[in-house]
Protein backbone atom coordinates (compact mmCIF):
# COMPACT_ATOMS: atom_id res chain seq x y z
CA MET A 1 -16.93 34.86 -76.38
CA ASP A 2 -19.26 37.39 -77.93
CA LYS A 3 -22.89 36.29 -77.51
CA ALA A 4 -23.71 37.06 -81.16
CA ILE A 5 -20.86 34.86 -82.36
CA GLN A 6 -21.95 32.10 -79.98
CA GLU A 7 -25.49 32.27 -81.39
CA GLU A 8 -24.15 32.18 -84.95
CA LEU A 9 -22.15 29.05 -84.15
CA LYS A 10 -25.21 27.39 -82.64
CA ALA A 11 -27.34 28.31 -85.66
CA HIS A 12 -24.66 26.94 -87.99
CA LEU A 13 -24.48 23.68 -86.04
CA MET A 14 -28.28 23.38 -86.09
CA GLN A 15 -28.10 23.46 -89.89
CA THR A 16 -25.01 21.32 -90.42
CA ASN A 17 -24.57 18.95 -87.47
CA GLU A 18 -27.13 16.19 -86.99
CA THR A 19 -25.87 15.32 -83.52
CA TYR A 20 -26.22 18.91 -82.35
CA ARG A 21 -29.67 19.15 -83.92
CA ASN A 22 -30.81 15.95 -82.19
CA LEU A 23 -29.51 17.17 -78.84
CA MET A 24 -31.28 20.50 -79.29
CA ASN A 25 -34.55 18.81 -80.24
CA GLN A 26 -34.37 16.50 -77.24
CA HIS A 27 -33.59 19.46 -74.97
CA HIS A 28 -36.65 21.25 -76.35
CA GLU A 29 -38.85 18.20 -75.71
CA TYR A 30 -37.65 17.99 -72.11
CA ASP A 31 -38.20 21.72 -71.72
CA LEU A 32 -41.83 21.33 -72.80
CA LEU A 33 -42.35 18.50 -70.34
CA VAL A 34 -40.86 20.57 -67.51
CA GLU A 35 -43.12 23.48 -68.45
CA GLN A 36 -46.16 21.19 -68.31
CA LEU A 37 -45.20 20.04 -64.85
CA GLU A 38 -44.45 23.55 -63.64
CA SER A 39 -47.82 24.78 -64.86
CA LYS A 40 -49.61 22.52 -62.39
CA PRO A 41 -50.74 24.12 -59.12
CA ALA A 42 -49.13 21.30 -57.13
CA LEU A 43 -47.01 18.29 -57.99
CA SER A 44 -47.26 14.80 -56.59
CA ALA A 45 -44.11 13.22 -55.21
CA ASP A 46 -43.67 11.27 -58.46
CA GLU A 47 -44.12 14.42 -60.52
CA GLU A 48 -41.52 16.25 -58.44
CA ILE A 49 -39.07 13.41 -59.02
CA GLU A 50 -39.84 13.48 -62.74
CA GLU A 51 -39.36 17.25 -62.88
CA HIS A 52 -35.98 16.91 -61.16
CA ARG A 53 -34.97 14.09 -63.52
CA LEU A 54 -35.96 16.08 -66.60
CA LYS A 55 -34.05 19.13 -65.42
CA LYS A 56 -30.92 17.02 -64.94
CA LEU A 57 -31.31 15.53 -68.40
CA LYS A 58 -31.70 19.02 -69.87
CA LEU A 59 -28.46 20.12 -68.20
CA GLN A 60 -26.64 17.07 -69.53
CA LEU A 61 -27.86 17.83 -73.04
CA LYS A 62 -26.87 21.47 -72.70
CA ASP A 63 -23.39 20.41 -71.61
CA GLN A 64 -23.11 18.12 -74.64
CA MET A 65 -24.26 20.90 -76.96
CA GLU A 66 -21.78 23.35 -75.47
CA ARG A 67 -19.03 20.78 -75.91
CA LEU A 68 -19.90 20.47 -79.61
CA VAL A 69 -19.86 24.27 -79.99
CA SER A 70 -16.44 24.43 -78.32
CA GLU A 71 -15.08 21.63 -80.50
CA TYR A 72 -16.39 23.32 -83.64
CA ARG A 73 -14.91 26.65 -82.58
CA LEU A 74 -11.51 25.03 -82.01
CA GLN A 75 -11.63 23.38 -85.42
CA GLN A 76 -12.29 26.76 -87.04
CA VAL A 77 -9.33 28.36 -85.28
CA SER A 78 -6.91 25.55 -86.16
């Protein structure tokens, strides 16, 4: 799919779909936490585990968001 169209769909869902918006906001929060951890010169073992956990959660959220985009796209075609 064209990247511009994909971005338009995401922008539309941000405005119209509360679930998508919540997922995006949570993804952003996790992203900020990962950035904070990555900005440290060295991570403790617990911080490394937390970084790994946050990255997994971000991927799960991204998958959920992509699923919503796909579902919306299919509804528009039908």
